[in-house]
């Protein structure tokens, strides 16, 4: 079965709500859009898989001295995104 490669009105509404609040739970999205959480989860996965949206997670490491691997990954991500470190 071929996945659709365009966005419909619900996809657009999902992306707008995620843009306003990227941390909104799928259950809250479902309530706002009067649909099921499964529908929201499925649509978000499809949008990500088709590179129509990208989700970015930024985690601040509290105890950076104890987490050298996370710091290394953070540096690699900053380099890949061409973001300089904050001093």
Protein backbone atom coordinates (compact mmCIF):
# COMPACT_ATOMS: atom_id res chain seq x y z
CA UNK A 1 0.00 0.00 0.00
CA UNK A 2 1.41 3.38 -1.02
CA UNK A 3 1.48 6.05 1.67
CA UNK A 4 0.02 9.36 0.65
CA UNK A 5 2.62 12.01 0.00
CA UNK A 6 0.57 15.13 0.55
CA UNK A 7 -0.86 16.82 3.61
CA UNK A 8 -4.59 17.10 4.16
CA UNK A 9 -6.41 19.50 6.48
CA UNK A 10 -5.90 17.35 9.58
CA UNK A 11 -2.17 17.00 8.86
CA UNK A 12 -1.97 20.77 8.52
CA UNK A 13 -3.82 21.28 11.83
CA UNK A 14 -1.50 18.81 13.56
CA UNK A 15 1.59 20.62 12.27
CA UNK A 16 0.18 24.00 13.34
CA UNK A 17 -0.50 22.76 16.88
CA UNK A 18 2.94 21.15 17.08
CA UNK A 19 4.52 24.38 15.89
CA UNK A 20 2.73 26.27 18.67
CA UNK A 21 3.70 23.70 21.30
CA UNK A 22 6.08 20.92 20.32
CA UNK A 23 5.56 19.20 23.67
CA UNK A 24 1.79 18.83 23.36
CA UNK A 25 0.77 15.23 24.10
CA UNK A 26 -0.87 13.19 21.36
CA UNK A 27 -3.91 12.78 23.60
CA UNK A 28 -4.35 16.55 23.78
CA UNK A 29 -3.90 16.88 20.02
CA UNK A 30 -6.57 14.21 19.56
CA UNK A 31 -9.02 16.10 21.82
CA UNK A 32 -8.40 19.40 20.03
CA UNK A 33 -8.92 17.78 16.62
CA UNK A 34 -11.79 15.51 17.72
CA UNK A 35 -10.07 12.28 16.70
CA UNK A 36 -8.30 9.35 18.35
CA UNK A 37 -4.79 9.35 19.77
CA UNK A 38 -3.97 6.46 17.44
CA UNK A 39 -4.89 8.60 14.43
CA UNK A 40 -2.64 11.41 15.67
CA UNK A 41 0.27 9.04 16.34
CA UNK A 42 -0.11 7.39 12.92
CA UNK A 43 -0.26 10.71 11.10
CA UNK A 44 2.75 12.16 12.92
CA UNK A 45 4.77 9.02 12.15
CA UNK A 46 3.81 9.24 8.47
CA UNK A 47 4.70 12.95 8.32
CA UNK A 48 8.11 12.20 9.87
CA UNK A 49 8.73 9.17 7.64
CA UNK A 50 7.97 11.25 4.55
CA UNK A 51 10.25 14.08 5.74
CA UNK A 52 7.31 16.48 5.79
CA UNK A 53 8.10 17.36 9.40
CA UNK A 54 11.14 16.91 11.61
CA UNK A 55 11.08 16.83 15.36
CA UNK A 56 14.00 18.28 17.28
CA UNK A 57 14.67 17.31 20.86
CA UNK A 58 16.92 19.52 22.95
CA UNK A 59 17.92 18.08 26.28
CA UNK A 60 19.91 20.13 28.77
CA UNK A 61 22.26 17.82 30.64
CA UNK A 62 22.16 18.73 34.32
CA UNK A 63 25.30 16.92 35.44
CA UNK A 64 27.49 17.30 32.36
CA UNK A 65 30.67 16.08 34.07
CA UNK A 66 29.07 12.68 34.66
CA UNK A 67 27.74 12.44 31.12
CA UNK A 68 30.64 12.80 28.67
CA UNK A 69 28.88 10.82 25.92
CA UNK A 70 25.86 13.17 25.92
CA UNK A 71 28.20 16.16 25.72
CA UNK A 72 30.04 14.58 22.78
CA UNK A 73 26.73 13.93 21.02
CA UNK A 74 25.67 17.51 21.75
CA UNK A 75 28.87 18.80 20.12
CA UNK A 76 28.31 16.56 17.10
CA UNK A 77 24.73 17.81 16.76
CA UNK A 78 25.81 21.46 17.08
CA UNK A 79 28.49 20.88 14.44
CA UNK A 80 26.02 19.14 12.11
CA UNK A 81 23.51 21.96 12.55
CA UNK A 82 26.27 24.59 12.34
CA UNK A 83 25.40 26.01 15.78
CA UNK A 84 28.16 27.50 17.89
CA UNK A 85 28.34 26.66 21.59
CA UNK A 86 27.00 29.16 24.10
CA UNK A 87 29.70 30.46 26.41
